[in-house]
Amino acid sequence: MRIAQVAPLFESVPPHRYGGTERVVSYLTEELVHRGHDVTLFASGDSRTSAELVPVVERAMRLDASSYELCSTAAVLQLELVRARAHEFDVIHCHVDYLAFPFTRTLRTPSLHTLHGRLDLPHLVPLYRHFTDVPLVSISDAQRRPLDGLGVRWAGTVYHGQPLTRYPFSAEAEDGYLAFLGRCSPEKQPELAIEIAKRAGIPLKIAAKVDHKDREYFDRVVAPLLDDPLIEFIGEIGDDEKAAFLGGARALLFPIDWPEPFGLVTIEAMACGTPVVARPCGAVPEVLVDGRTGFLGDSLMDLVDAVKRIHEIDRAECRRHVETRFSVAHMTDGYEAVYRRQRVLRQAA
């Protein structure tokens, strides 16, 4: 198939450091090329891909301080570049959420949209109630629930996949610390991770970025908690450091307080053999098997007790779980099936 992948422009594909959506787009794009598809990637110019790259902007907008005011114009330009070449593709796969909804309505080429973010925000209701003809792909069944009853056209649920060669298995947690990896933001609750580690008496390493919008929260809530011998704040890390960071941990702490659409870091950890201790929010119970690849807990003490029992989890089972359900091959199989269904539906229309 001739496939267009339309990626967000905020991060490169793959991202240099943090960036879940762009990382998944990269995994999918490279596997599609490997399978013999003719893939065109519309992304930032500093992206790295074996597909044909159409550079919409010179570099990822996150890396260019002057680019924030250009986000809307760049997005419009990107969609126009896709529209101009739409006749060249058998399917157009968008990863920019609702920005492309009106645009793909005008195309004869089958199109679909993977939603990568939360869908429980009230202002989204009229939007999705209106665009009921747009084929959508969810990244978990839990992600869909806020839109129940709106007549949304779901083309499928496709879980994220993980390239296992990038995350080698670690049979033992060599350093024995707890890990927190992600954003320092209220919904990710790093302050709760810190409290869990302190009560369990186990060192915690925090590898996290602080976005501009979360700076006040970080300074007010998180920073005062870092002055403790058990707590080490590393900051944002890149792909070349992530596997060692996760593989050396006794457990990944994922004490979120929001309807997580998927939680890519959880399968990254489990691929390394590292179990996950998490709150059962959003998609977490779909991704983590309680008692087999980690533990779920609602309260602080539930999570502390889970950390103390983490030795009960077989690290090899964590790896097998990802190999079975969350490989890049499995993800790509899912998307290929969706592509085929959309082509059949368009031809029958």
C-alpha atoms as a PDB file:
ATOM      1  CA  MET A   1       0.000   0.000   0.000  1.00  0.00           C
ATOM      2  CA  ARG A   2       0.940   3.632  -0.485  1.00  0.00           C
ATOM      3  CA  ILE A   3       0.529   5.140   2.980  1.00  0.00           C
ATOM      4  CA  ALA A   4       0.827   8.696   4.288  1.00  0.00           C
ATOM      5  CA  GLN A   5       1.700   9.174   7.951  1.00  0.00           C
ATOM      6  CA  VAL A   6       0.880  12.651   9.286  1.00  0.00           C
ATOM      7  CA  ALA A   7       2.794  13.320  12.515  1.00  0.00           C
ATOM      8  CA  PRO A   8       2.680  16.151  15.052  1.00  0.00           C
ATOM      9  CA  LEU A   9       5.289  18.840  14.437  1.00  0.00           C
ATOM     10  CA  PHE A  10       6.113  19.609  18.069  1.00  0.00           C
ATOM     11  CA  GLU A  11       8.655  16.767  18.302  1.00  0.00           C
ATOM     12  CA  SER A  12      10.766  15.055  15.667  1.00  0.00           C
ATOM     13  CA  VAL A  13       9.968  11.496  14.556  1.00  0.00           C
ATOM     14  CA  PRO A  14      11.335   9.809  16.599  1.00  0.00           C
ATOM     15  CA  PRO A  15      11.755  12.411  19.346  1.00  0.00           C
ATOM     16  CA  HIS A  16      15.217  13.173  20.685  1.00  0.00           C
ATOM     17  CA  ARG A  17      13.975  12.815  24.251  1.00  0.00           C
ATOM     18  CA  TYR A  18      10.394  12.744  25.589  1.00  0.00           C
ATOM     19  CA  GLY A  19       7.530  12.261  23.146  1.00  0.00           C
ATOM     20  CA  GLY A  20       5.204   9.273  23.093  1.00  0.00           C
ATOM     21  CA  THR A  21       3.111  10.003  19.994  1.00  0.00           C
ATOM     22  CA  GLU A  22       6.071  10.720  17.751  1.00  0.00           C
ATOM     23  CA  ARG A  23       7.886   7.630  19.010  1.00  0.00           C
ATOM     24  CA  VAL A  24       4.914   5.424  18.128  1.00  0.00           C
ATOM     25  CA  VAL A  25       4.616   7.048  14.695  1.00  0.00           C
ATOM     26  CA  SER A  26       8.286   6.226  14.109  1.00  0.00           C
ATOM     27  CA  TYR A  27       7.895   2.590  15.176  1.00  0.00           C
ATOM     28  CA  LEU A  28       4.873   2.160  12.907  1.00  0.00           C
ATOM     29  CA  THR A  29       6.431   3.948   9.938  1.00  0.00           C
ATOM     30  CA  GLU A  30       9.638   1.936  10.028  1.00  0.00           C
ATOM     31  CA  GLU A  31       7.807  -1.377  10.331  1.00  0.00           C
ATOM     32  CA  LEU A  32       5.495  -0.505   7.436  1.00  0.00           C
ATOM     33  CA  VAL A  33       8.523   0.284   5.268  1.00  0.00           C
ATOM     34  CA  HIS A  34      10.153  -2.966   6.392  1.00  0.00           C
ATOM     35  CA  ARG A  35       7.049  -4.840   5.241  1.00  0.00           C
ATOM     36  CA  GLY A  36       7.322  -3.359   1.768  1.00  0.00           C
ATOM     37  CA  HIS A  37       4.779  -0.546   1.924  1.00  0.00           C
ATOM     38  CA  ASP A  38       5.477   2.771   0.176  1.00  0.00           C
ATOM     39  CA  VAL A  39       5.324   5.197   3.118  1.00  0.00           C
ATOM     40  CA  THR A  40       5.503   9.000   3.111  1.00  0.00           C
ATOM     41  CA  LEU A  41       6.007  10.762   6.449  1.00  0.00           C
ATOM     42  CA  PHE A  42       4.856  14.370   6.871  1.00  0.00           C
ATOM     43  CA  ALA A  43       6.832  15.606   9.886  1.00  0.00           C
ATOM     44  CA  SER A  44       9.538  18.012  11.035  1.00  0.00           C
ATOM     45  CA  GLY A  45      12.706  18.192   8.962  1.00  0.00           C
ATOM     46  CA  ASP A  46      14.925  16.818  11.733  1.00  0.00           C
ATOM     47  CA  SER A  47      13.008  13.535  11.745  1.00  0.00           C
ATOM     48  CA  ARG A  48      14.892  10.317  10.934  1.00  0.00           C
ATOM     49  CA  THR A  49      13.131   7.744   8.805  1.00  0.00           C
ATOM     50  CA  SER A  50      13.540   5.189   6.043  1.00  0.00           C
ATOM     51  CA  ALA A  51      10.260   6.436   4.533  1.00  0.00           C
ATOM     52  CA  GLU A  52      10.043   9.416   2.192  1.00  0.00           C
ATOM     53  CA  LEU A  53      10.183  12.445   4.476  1.00  0.00           C
ATOM     54  CA  VAL A  54       8.206  15.574   3.647  1.00  0.00           C
ATOM     55  CA  PRO A  55       9.692  18.223   5.986  1.00  0.00           C
ATOM     56  CA  VAL A  56       6.911  20.631   6.931  1.00  0.00           C
ATOM     57  CA  VAL A  57       9.160  22.714   9.200  1.00  0.00           C
ATOM     58  CA  GLU A  58      12.933  22.679   9.458  1.00  0.00           C
ATOM     59  CA  ARG A  59      13.098  21.344  13.003  1.00  0.00           C
ATOM     60  CA  ALA A  60      10.766  20.176  15.744  1.00  0.00           C
ATOM     61  CA  MET A  61       8.908  23.101  17.249  1.00  0.00           C
ATOM     62  CA  ARG A  62       9.782  22.186  20.802  1.00  0.00           C
ATOM     63  CA  LEU A  63      13.453  22.832  20.002  1.00  0.00           C
ATOM     64  CA  ASP A  64      12.810  26.243  18.461  1.00  0.00           C
ATOM     65  CA  ALA A  65      11.865  28.909  20.996  1.00  0.00           C
ATOM     66  CA  SER A  66      10.515  31.143  18.227  1.00  0.00           C
ATOM     67  CA  SER A  67       8.166  28.515  16.851  1.00  0.00           C
ATOM     68  CA  TYR A  68       5.317  28.518  19.373  1.00  0.00           C
ATOM     69  CA  GLU A  69       3.479  31.308  17.578  1.00  0.00           C
ATOM     70  CA  LEU A  70       3.885  29.407  14.297  1.00  0.00           C
ATOM     71  CA  CYS A  71       2.198  26.174  15.415  1.00  0.00           C
ATOM     72  CA  SER A  72      -1.157  26.922  13.789  1.00  0.00           C
ATOM     73  CA  THR A  73       0.333  28.094  10.493  1.00  0.00           C
ATOM     74  CA  ALA A  74       2.630  25.067  10.326  1.00  0.00           C
ATOM     75  CA  ALA A  75      -0.310  22.735  10.947  1.00  0.00           C
ATOM     76  CA  VAL A  76      -2.289  24.344   8.124  1.00  0.00           C
ATOM     77  CA  LEU A  77       0.717  24.067   5.814  1.00  0.00           C
ATOM     78  CA  GLN A  78       1.158  20.404   6.716  1.00  0.00           C
ATOM     79  CA  LEU A  79      -2.436  19.550   5.880  1.00  0.00           C
ATOM     80  CA  GLU A  80      -2.200  21.424   2.573  1.00  0.00           C
ATOM     81  CA  LEU A  81       0.927  19.463   1.660  1.00  0.00           C
ATOM     82  CA  VAL A  82      -0.942  16.236   2.365  1.00  0.00           C
ATOM     83  CA  ARG A  83      -4.005  17.393   0.424  1.00  0.00           C
ATOM     84  CA  ALA A  84      -1.921  18.248  -2.630  1.00  0.00           C
ATOM     85  CA  ARG A  85      -0.587  14.681  -2.748  1.00  0.00           C
ATOM     86  CA  ALA A  86      -3.651  12.830  -1.479  1.00  0.00           C
ATOM     87  CA  HIS A  87      -4.253  11.167  -4.849  1.00  0.00           C
ATOM     88  CA  GLU A  88      -0.865   9.415  -4.527  1.00  0.00           C
ATOM     89  CA  PHE A  89      -1.917   7.410  -1.461  1.00  0.00           C
ATOM     90  CA  ASP A  90      -4.123   4.406  -0.764  1.00  0.00           C
ATOM     91  CA  VAL A  91      -4.654   5.568   2.822  1.00  0.00           C
ATOM     92  CA  ILE A  92      -3.836   8.640   4.908  1.00  0.00           C
ATOM     93  CA  HIS A  93      -3.146   8.038   8.595  1.00  0.00           C
ATOM     94  CA  CYS A  94      -3.275  11.161  10.792  1.00  0.00           C
ATOM     95  CA  HIS A  95      -1.844  11.451  14.315  1.00  0.00           C
ATOM     96  CA  VAL A  96      -2.719  15.118  14.949  1.00  0.00           C
ATOM     97  CA  ASP A  97      -6.020  14.492  16.743  1.00  0.00           C
ATOM     98  CA  TYR A  98      -8.974  16.628  15.608  1.00  0.00           C
ATOM     99  CA  LEU A  99      -6.982  19.185  13.591  1.00  0.00           C
ATOM    100  CA  ALA A 100      -7.332  17.117  10.421  1.00  0.00           C
ATOM    101  CA  PHE A 101     -11.024  16.194  10.782  1.00  0.00           C
ATOM    102  CA  PRO A 102     -12.468  18.855   8.401  1.00  0.00           C
ATOM    103  CA  PHE A 103      -9.602  18.360   5.969  1.00  0.00           C
ATOM    104  CA  THR A 104      -9.998  14.599   5.476  1.00  0.00           C
ATOM    105  CA  ARG A 105     -13.749  14.972   4.929  1.00  0.00           C
ATOM    106  CA  THR A 106     -12.962  16.579   1.554  1.00  0.00           C
ATOM    107  CA  LEU A 107     -10.670  13.805   0.301  1.00  0.00           C
ATOM    108  CA  ARG A 108     -11.499  10.780  -1.807  1.00  0.00           C
ATOM    109  CA  THR A 109      -8.535   8.906  -0.318  1.00  0.00           C
ATOM    110  CA  PRO A 110      -9.476   6.734   2.691  1.00  0.00           C
ATOM    111  CA  SER A 111      -8.277   8.430   5.883  1.00  0.00           C
ATOM    112  CA  LEU A 112      -8.218   7.636   9.575  1.00  0.00           C
ATOM    113  CA  HIS A 113      -7.157   9.352  12.758  1.00  0.00           C
ATOM    114  CA  THR A 114      -5.436   7.783  15.747  1.00  0.00           C
ATOM    115  CA  LEU A 115      -6.317   9.690  18.907  1.00  0.00           C
ATOM    116  CA  HIS A 116      -3.342   9.837  21.258  1.00  0.00           C
ATOM    117  CA  GLY A 117      -4.707  12.076  24.032  1.00  0.00           C
ATOM    118  CA  ARG A 118      -7.390  12.196  26.687  1.00  0.00           C
ATOM    119  CA  LEU A 119     -11.017  12.437  25.556  1.00  0.00           C
ATOM    120  CA  ASP A 120     -12.786  13.278  28.814  1.00  0.00           C
ATOM    121  CA  LEU A 121     -12.622  17.079  28.483  1.00  0.00           C
ATOM    122  CA  PRO A 122     -16.065  18.763  28.213  1.00  0.00           C
ATOM    123  CA  HIS A 123     -15.138  21.014  25.299  1.00  0.00           C
ATOM    124  CA  LEU A 124     -14.530  17.940  23.125  1.00  0.00           C
ATOM    125  CA  VAL A 125     -18.149  16.733  23.307  1.00  0.00           C
ATOM    126  CA  PRO A 126     -19.661  19.022  20.636  1.00  0.00           C
ATOM    127  CA  LEU A 127     -16.694  18.399  18.355  1.00  0.00           C
ATOM    128  CA  TYR A 128     -17.013  14.611  18.383  1.00  0.00           C
ATOM    129  CA  ARG A 129     -20.796  14.791  18.269  1.00  0.00           C
ATOM    130  CA  HIS A 130     -20.436  16.703  14.994  1.00  0.00           C
ATOM    131  CA  PHE A 131     -17.680  14.640  13.315  1.00  0.00           C
ATOM    132  CA  THR A 132     -19.420  11.272  13.557  1.00  0.00           C
ATOM    133  CA  ASP A 133     -18.435  10.332   9.992  1.00  0.00           C
ATOM    134  CA  VAL A 134     -14.658  10.506  10.646  1.00  0.00           C
ATOM    135  CA  PRO A 135     -12.986   7.092  11.192  1.00  0.00           C
ATOM    136  CA  LEU A 136     -11.158   7.101  14.530  1.00  0.00           C
ATOM    137  CA  VAL A 137      -8.705   4.672  16.096  1.00  0.00           C
ATOM    138  CA  SER A 138      -8.355   4.483  19.879  1.00  0.00           C
ATOM    139  CA  ILE A 139      -5.170   3.315  21.603  1.00  0.00           C
ATOM    140  CA  SER A 140      -7.147   1.589  24.376  1.00  0.00           C
ATOM    141  CA  ASP A 141     -10.755   0.714  25.066  1.00  0.00           C
ATOM    142  CA  ALA A 142     -10.688   2.923  28.162  1.00  0.00           C
ATOM    143  CA  GLN A 143      -9.775   5.940  26.057  1.00  0.00           C
ATOM    144  CA  ARG A 144     -13.088   5.649  24.195  1.00  0.00           C
ATOM    145  CA  ARG A 145     -15.418   5.692  27.183  1.00  0.00           C
ATOM    146  CA  PRO A 146     -15.896   9.464  27.559  1.00  0.00           C
ATOM    147  CA  LEU A 147     -17.343   9.546  24.025  1.00  0.00           C
ATOM    148  CA  ASP A 148     -19.900   6.776  24.595  1.00  0.00           C
ATOM    149  CA  GLY A 149     -23.302   7.736  23.233  1.00  0.00           C
ATOM    150  CA  LEU A 150     -22.044  10.400  20.818  1.00  0.00           C
ATOM    151  CA  GLY A 151     -22.241   8.233  17.708  1.00  0.00           C
ATOM    152  CA  VAL A 152     -18.485   8.269  17.125  1.00  0.00           C
ATOM    153  CA  ARG A 153     -17.273   6.058  14.271  1.00  0.00           C
ATOM    154  CA  TRP A 154     -14.579   3.823  15.726  1.00  0.00           C
ATOM    155  CA  ALA A 155     -12.452   2.033  13.135  1.00  0.00           C
ATOM    156  CA  GLY A 156     -10.707  -0.038  15.795  1.00  0.00           C
ATOM    157  CA  THR A 157      -8.534  -0.092  18.900  1.00  0.00           C
ATOM    158  CA  VAL A 158      -4.823  -0.638  18.275  1.00  0.00           C
ATOM    159  CA  TYR A 159      -2.482  -0.868  21.256  1.00  0.00           C
ATOM    160  CA  HIS A 160       0.958   0.694  21.030  1.00  0.00           C
ATOM    161  CA  GLY A 161       3.877  -1.578  20.205  1.00  0.00           C
ATOM    162  CA  GLN A 162       7.417  -1.691  21.503  1.00  0.00           C
ATOM    163  CA  PRO A 163      10.596  -2.596  19.534  1.00  0.00           C
ATOM    164  CA  LEU A 164      12.040  -5.224  21.853  1.00  0.00           C
ATOM    165  CA  THR A 165      15.604  -4.935  20.563  1.00  0.00           C
ATOM    166  CA  ARG A 166      15.820  -1.404  21.941  1.00  0.00           C
ATOM    167  CA  TYR A 167      14.820  -2.547  25.420  1.00  0.00           C
ATOM    168  CA  PRO A 168      16.920  -5.592  26.365  1.00  0.00           C
ATOM    169  CA  PHE A 169      15.733  -7.824  29.161  1.00  0.00           C
ATOM    170  CA  SER A 170      17.321  -7.406  32.608  1.00  0.00           C
ATOM    171  CA  ALA A 171      16.873 -10.503  34.736  1.00  0.00           C
ATOM    172  CA  GLU A 172      17.776  -8.592  37.904  1.00  0.00           C
ATOM    173  CA  ALA A 173      17.446  -5.006  39.080  1.00  0.00           C
ATOM    174  CA  GLU A 174      21.143  -4.353  39.441  1.00  0.00           C
ATOM    175  CA  ASP A 175      20.858  -1.101  41.388  1.00  0.00           C
ATOM    176  CA  GLY A 176      17.593  -1.809  43.201  1.00  0.00           C
ATOM    177  CA  TYR A 177      16.045   1.661  42.953  1.00  0.00           C
ATOM    178  CA  LEU A 178      12.509   2.666  42.040  1.00  0.00           C
ATOM    179  CA  ALA A 179      12.057   4.580  38.774  1.00  0.00           C
ATOM    180  CA  PHE A 180       9.769   7.410  37.712  1.00  0.00           C
ATOM    181  CA  LEU A 181       9.890   8.310  34.018  1.00  0.00           C
ATOM    182  CA  GLY A 182       7.731  10.862  32.221  1.00  0.00           C
ATOM    183  CA  ARG A 183       6.537  14.419  32.721  1.00  0.00           C
ATOM    184  CA  CYS A 184       6.569  16.287  36.021  1.00  0.00           C
ATOM    185  CA  SER A 185       2.923  17.271  35.909  1.00  0.00           C
ATOM    186  CA  PRO A 186      -0.015  17.110  38.335  1.00  0.00           C
ATOM    187  CA  GLU A 187      -1.703  14.192  36.555  1.00  0.00           C
ATOM    188  CA  LYS A 188       1.498  12.113  36.659  1.00  0.00           C
ATOM    189  CA  GLN A 189       1.865  12.687  40.445  1.00  0.00           C
ATOM    190  CA  PRO A 190       5.627  12.569  40.970  1.00  0.00           C
ATOM    191  CA  GLU A 191       4.998  13.822  44.495  1.00  0.00           C
ATOM    192  CA  LEU A 192       3.103  10.603  45.220  1.00  0.00           C
ATOM    193  CA  ALA A 193       5.977   8.551  43.778  1.00  0.00           C
ATOM    194  CA  ILE A 194       8.320  10.365  46.170  1.00  0.00           C
ATOM    195  CA  GLU A 195       6.087   9.617  49.135  1.00  0.00           C
ATOM    196  CA  ILE A 196       5.829   5.934  48.143  1.00  0.00           C
ATOM    197  CA  ALA A 197       9.607   5.631  47.970  1.00  0.00           C
ATOM    198  CA  LYS A 198      10.118   7.357  51.311  1.00  0.00           C
ATOM    199  CA  ARG A 199       7.590   5.151  53.089  1.00  0.00           C
ATOM    200  CA  ALA A 200       9.030   2.019  51.504  1.00  0.00           C
ATOM    201  CA  GLY A 201      12.567   3.144  52.335  1.00  0.00           C
ATOM    202  CA  ILE A 202      13.823   2.541  48.780  1.00  0.00           C
ATOM    203  CA  PRO A 203      15.745   5.045  46.618  1.00  0.00           C
ATOM    204  CA  LEU A 204      13.799   6.721  43.815  1.00  0.00           C
ATOM    205  CA  LYS A 205      15.311   8.088  40.607  1.00  0.00           C
ATOM    206  CA  ILE A 206      13.160  10.590  38.728  1.00  0.00           C
ATOM    207  CA  ALA A 207      13.904  10.957  35.019  1.00  0.00           C
ATOM    208  CA  ALA A 208      11.401  13.549  33.928  1.00  0.00           C
ATOM    209  CA  LYS A 209      10.998  16.701  31.907  1.00  0.00           C
ATOM    210  CA  VAL A 210       9.343  19.861  33.172  1.00  0.00           C
ATOM    211  CA  ASP A 211       7.280  21.641  30.527  1.00  0.00           C
ATOM    212  CA  HIS A 212       6.856  25.390  30.710  1.00  0.00           C
ATOM    213  CA  LYS A 213       3.200  25.015  31.701  1.00  0.00           C
ATOM    214  CA  ASP A 214       4.193  22.739  34.604  1.00  0.00           C
ATOM    215  CA  ARG A 215       7.057  24.867  35.928  1.00  0.00           C
ATOM    216  CA  GLU A 216       5.008  26.549  38.668  1.00  0.00           C
ATOM    217  CA  TYR A 217       3.669  23.178  39.845  1.00  0.00           C
ATOM    218  CA  PHE A 218       7.168  21.687  39.851  1.00  0.00           C
ATOM    219  CA  ASP A 219       8.670  24.586  41.817  1.00  0.00           C
ATOM    220  CA  ARG A 220       5.838  24.671  44.337  1.00  0.00           C
ATOM    221  CA  VAL A 221       5.054  20.968  44.851  1.00  0.00           C
ATOM    222  CA  VAL A 222       7.896  18.751  43.637  1.00  0.00           C
ATOM    223  CA  ALA A 223      11.121  20.700  44.141  1.00  0.00           C
ATOM    224  CA  PRO A 224      10.719  21.014  47.946  1.00  0.00           C
ATOM    225  CA  LEU A 225      10.507  17.187  48.169  1.00  0.00           C
ATOM    226  CA  LEU A 226      13.803  16.531  46.389  1.00  0.00           C
ATOM    227  CA  ASP A 227      16.014  17.378  49.366  1.00  0.00           C
ATOM    228  CA  ASP A 228      16.078  13.818  50.656  1.00  0.00           C
ATOM    229  CA  PRO A 229      18.897  11.239  50.423  1.00  0.00           C
ATOM    230  CA  LEU A 230      16.493   8.684  48.946  1.00  0.00           C
ATOM    231  CA  ILE A 231      15.400  10.946  46.067  1.00  0.00           C
ATOM    232  CA  GLU A 232      17.481  11.699  42.982  1.00  0.00           C
ATOM    233  CA  PHE A 233      16.146  14.019  40.257  1.00  0.00           C
ATOM    234  CA  ILE A 234      17.908  13.218  36.982  1.00  0.00           C
ATOM    235  CA  GLY A 235      15.839  15.299  34.581  1.00  0.00           C
ATOM    236  CA  GLU A 236      14.853  14.408  31.046  1.00  0.00           C
ATOM    237  CA  ILE A 237      16.693  11.496  29.422  1.00  0.00           C
ATOM    238  CA  GLY A 238      16.912  10.278  25.832  1.00  0.00           C
ATOM    239  CA  ASP A 239      16.431   6.937  24.132  1.00  0.00           C
ATOM    240  CA  ASP A 240      20.070   5.985  24.557  1.00  0.00           C
ATOM    241  CA  GLU A 241      19.694   6.144  28.356  1.00  0.00           C
ATOM    242  CA  LYS A 242      16.150   4.903  28.838  1.00  0.00           C
ATOM    243  CA  ALA A 243      16.666   1.134  28.618  1.00  0.00           C
ATOM    244  CA  ALA A 244      19.470   1.123  31.192  1.00  0.00           C
ATOM    245  CA  PHE A 245      17.463   3.400  33.473  1.00  0.00           C
ATOM    246  CA  LEU A 246      14.363   1.200  33.356  1.00  0.00           C
ATOM    247  CA  GLY A 247      16.212  -2.126  33.315  1.00  0.00           C
ATOM    248  CA  GLY A 248      18.200  -1.265  36.427  1.00  0.00           C
ATOM    249  CA  ALA A 249      15.093  -0.443  38.464  1.00  0.00           C
ATOM    250  CA  ARG A 250      13.335  -2.663  40.958  1.00  0.00           C
ATOM    251  CA  ALA A 251       9.997  -1.285  39.758  1.00  0.00           C
ATOM    252  CA  LEU A 252       8.520   1.572  37.752  1.00  0.00           C
ATOM    253  CA  LEU A 253       6.201   3.812  39.754  1.00  0.00           C
ATOM    254  CA  PHE A 254       3.216   5.020  37.720  1.00  0.00           C
ATOM    255  CA  PRO A 255       0.911   6.649  40.315  1.00  0.00           C
ATOM    256  CA  ILE A 256      -1.145   8.656  37.816  1.00  0.00           C
ATOM    257  CA  ASP A 257      -4.324  10.571  38.562  1.00  0.00           C
ATOM    258  CA  TRP A 258      -5.932  10.953  35.142  1.00  0.00           C
ATOM    259  CA  PRO A 259      -7.610   8.779  32.472  1.00  0.00           C
ATOM    260  CA  GLU A 260      -4.363   7.588  30.881  1.00  0.00           C
ATOM    261  CA  PRO A 261      -5.013   6.792  27.184  1.00  0.00           C
ATOM    262  CA  PHE A 262      -2.286   4.114  27.142  1.00  0.00           C
ATOM    263  CA  GLY A 263       0.938   4.643  29.117  1.00  0.00           C
ATOM    264  CA  LEU A 264       3.841   3.877  26.776  1.00  0.00           C
ATOM    265  CA  VAL A 265       6.409   3.937  29.580  1.00  0.00           C
ATOM    266  CA  THR A 266       4.728   0.948  31.228  1.00  0.00           C
ATOM    267  CA  ILE A 267       5.433  -1.362  28.282  1.00  0.00           C
ATOM    268  CA  GLU A 268       8.933   0.086  27.952  1.00  0.00           C
ATOM    269  CA  ALA A 269       9.573  -0.913  31.564  1.00  0.00           C
ATOM    270  CA  MET A 270       8.010  -4.350  31.241  1.00  0.00           C
ATOM    271  CA  ALA A 271      10.014  -5.022  28.068  1.00  0.00           C
ATOM    272  CA  CYS A 272      13.131  -4.602  30.234  1.00  0.00           C
ATOM    273  CA  GLY A 273      11.662  -7.019  32.775  1.00  0.00           C
ATOM    274  CA  THR A 274      10.812  -4.251  35.222  1.00  0.00           C
ATOM    275  CA  PRO A 275       7.394  -4.616  36.894  1.00  0.00           C
ATOM    276  CA  VAL A 276       5.062  -1.655  37.287  1.00  0.00           C
ATOM    277  CA  VAL A 277       3.318  -0.334  40.391  1.00  0.00           C
ATOM    278  CA  ALA A 278       0.438   1.849  39.270  1.00  0.00           C
ATOM    279  CA  ARG A 279      -2.943   3.309  40.043  1.00  0.00           C
ATOM    280  CA  PRO A 280      -5.749   1.689  37.980  1.00  0.00           C
ATOM    281  CA  CYS A 281      -6.625   4.797  35.971  1.00  0.00           C
ATOM    282  CA  GLY A 282      -7.643   4.830  32.322  1.00  0.00           C
ATOM    283  CA  ALA A 283      -5.955   2.154  30.227  1.00  0.00           C
ATOM    284  CA  VAL A 284      -3.617   0.912  32.951  1.00  0.00           C
ATOM    285  CA  PRO A 285      -5.677  -2.225  33.786  1.00  0.00           C
ATOM    286  CA  GLU A 286      -5.683  -3.112  30.055  1.00  0.00           C
ATOM    287  CA  VAL A 287      -1.896  -2.894  29.817  1.00  0.00           C
ATOM    288  CA  LEU A 288      -0.752  -4.171  33.224  1.00  0.00           C
ATOM    289  CA  VAL A 289      -1.784  -7.582  34.604  1.00  0.00           C
ATOM    290  CA  ASP A 290      -2.262  -7.137  38.343  1.00  0.00           C
ATOM    291  CA  GLY A 291      -0.196  -9.665  40.276  1.00  0.00           C
ATOM    292  CA  ARG A 292       1.625 -10.916  37.174  1.00  0.00           C
ATOM    293  CA  THR A 293       3.449  -7.933  35.608  1.00  0.00           C
ATOM    294  CA  GLY A 294       3.142  -5.603  38.572  1.00  0.00           C
ATOM    295  CA  PHE A 295       0.546  -4.403  41.034  1.00  0.00           C
ATOM    296  CA  LEU A 296      -2.403  -2.001  40.954  1.00  0.00           C
ATOM    297  CA  GLY A 297      -3.350   0.049  43.993  1.00  0.00           C
ATOM    298  CA  ASP A 298      -5.660   2.964  44.703  1.00  0.00           C
ATOM    299  CA  SER A 299      -4.342   4.383  47.957  1.00  0.00           C
ATOM    300  CA  LEU A 300      -0.892   5.446  49.079  1.00  0.00           C
ATOM    301  CA  MET A 301      -0.611   2.464  51.407  1.00  0.00           C
ATOM    302  CA  ASP A 302      -1.790   0.079  48.662  1.00  0.00           C
ATOM    303  CA  LEU A 303       1.092   1.315  46.518  1.00  0.00           C
ATOM    304  CA  VAL A 304       3.630   1.169  49.337  1.00  0.00           C
ATOM    305  CA  ASP A 305       2.602  -2.408  50.112  1.00  0.00           C
ATOM    306  CA  ALA A 306       2.882  -3.244  46.409  1.00  0.00           C
ATOM    307  CA  VAL A 307       6.464  -1.972  46.312  1.00  0.00           C
ATOM    308  CA  LYS A 308       7.332  -4.141  49.283  1.00  0.00           C
ATOM    309  CA  ARG A 309       5.902  -7.178  47.439  1.00  0.00           C
ATOM    310  CA  ILE A 310       7.526  -6.480  44.094  1.00  0.00           C
ATOM    311  CA  HIS A 311       9.917  -9.419  44.552  1.00  0.00           C
ATOM    312  CA  GLU A 312       6.898 -11.685  43.939  1.00  0.00           C
ATOM    313  CA  ILE A 313       6.771 -10.613  40.278  1.00  0.00           C
ATOM    314  CA  ASP A 314       8.682 -12.699  37.731  1.00  0.00           C
ATOM    315  CA  ARG A 315      10.655 -10.271  35.580  1.00  0.00           C
ATOM    316  CA  ALA A 316      10.732 -12.784  32.710  1.00  0.00           C
ATOM    317  CA  GLU A 317       6.929 -12.799  32.732  1.00  0.00           C
ATOM    318  CA  CYS A 318       6.931  -9.011  32.284  1.00  0.00           C
ATOM    319  CA  ARG A 319       9.051  -9.419  29.173  1.00  0.00           C
ATOM    320  CA  ARG A 320       6.854 -12.213  27.793  1.00  0.00           C
ATOM    321  CA  HIS A 321       3.772 -10.063  28.312  1.00  0.00           C
ATOM    322  CA  VAL A 322       5.173  -7.331  26.056  1.00  0.00           C
ATOM    323  CA  GLU A 323       6.402  -9.834  23.477  1.00  0.00           C
ATOM    324  CA  THR A 324       2.928 -11.362  23.289  1.00  0.00           C
ATOM    325  CA  ARG A 325       0.704  -8.264  23.289  1.00  0.00           C
ATOM    326  CA  PHE A 326       2.729  -5.107  22.694  1.00  0.00           C
ATOM    327  CA  SER A 327       5.298  -5.734  19.978  1.00  0.00           C
ATOM    328  CA  VAL A 328       5.688  -3.395  17.001  1.00  0.00           C
ATOM    329  CA  ALA A 329       4.689  -6.307  14.758  1.00  0.00           C
ATOM    330  CA  HIS A 330       1.438  -6.755  16.677  1.00  0.00           C
ATOM    331  CA  MET A 331       0.672  -3.019  16.473  1.00  0.00           C
ATOM    332  CA  THR A 332       1.404  -2.917  12.741  1.00  0.00           C
ATOM    333  CA  ASP A 333      -0.796  -5.960  12.117  1.00  0.00           C
ATOM    334  CA  GLY A 334      -3.609  -4.031  13.764  1.00  0.00           C
ATOM    335  CA  TYR A 335      -3.129  -0.937  11.640  1.00  0.00           C
ATOM    336  CA  GLU A 336      -2.800  -2.908   8.407  1.00  0.00           C
ATOM    337  CA  ALA A 337      -6.172  -4.504   9.163  1.00  0.00           C
ATOM    338  CA  VAL A 338      -7.712  -1.061   9.768  1.00  0.00           C
ATOM    339  CA  TYR A 339      -6.209   0.260   6.518  1.00  0.00           C
ATOM    340  CA  ARG A 340      -7.699  -2.624   4.552  1.00  0.00           C
ATOM    341  CA  ARG A 341     -11.141  -2.143   6.096  1.00  0.00           C
ATOM    342  CA  GLN A 342     -11.127   1.585   5.324  1.00  0.00           C
ATOM    343  CA  ARG A 343     -10.202   0.948   1.695  1.00  0.00           C
ATOM    344  CA  VAL A 344     -13.021  -1.577   1.320  1.00  0.00           C
ATOM    345  CA  LEU A 345     -15.524   0.799   2.914  1.00  0.00           C
ATOM    346  CA  ARG A 346     -14.470   3.675   0.665  1.00  0.00           C
ATOM    347  CA  GLN A 347     -14.675   1.544  -2.459  1.00  0.00           C
ATOM    348  CA  ALA A 348     -18.171   0.413  -1.470  1.00  0.00           C
ATOM    349  CA  ALA A 349     -19.381   3.967  -0.799  1.00  0.00           C
END
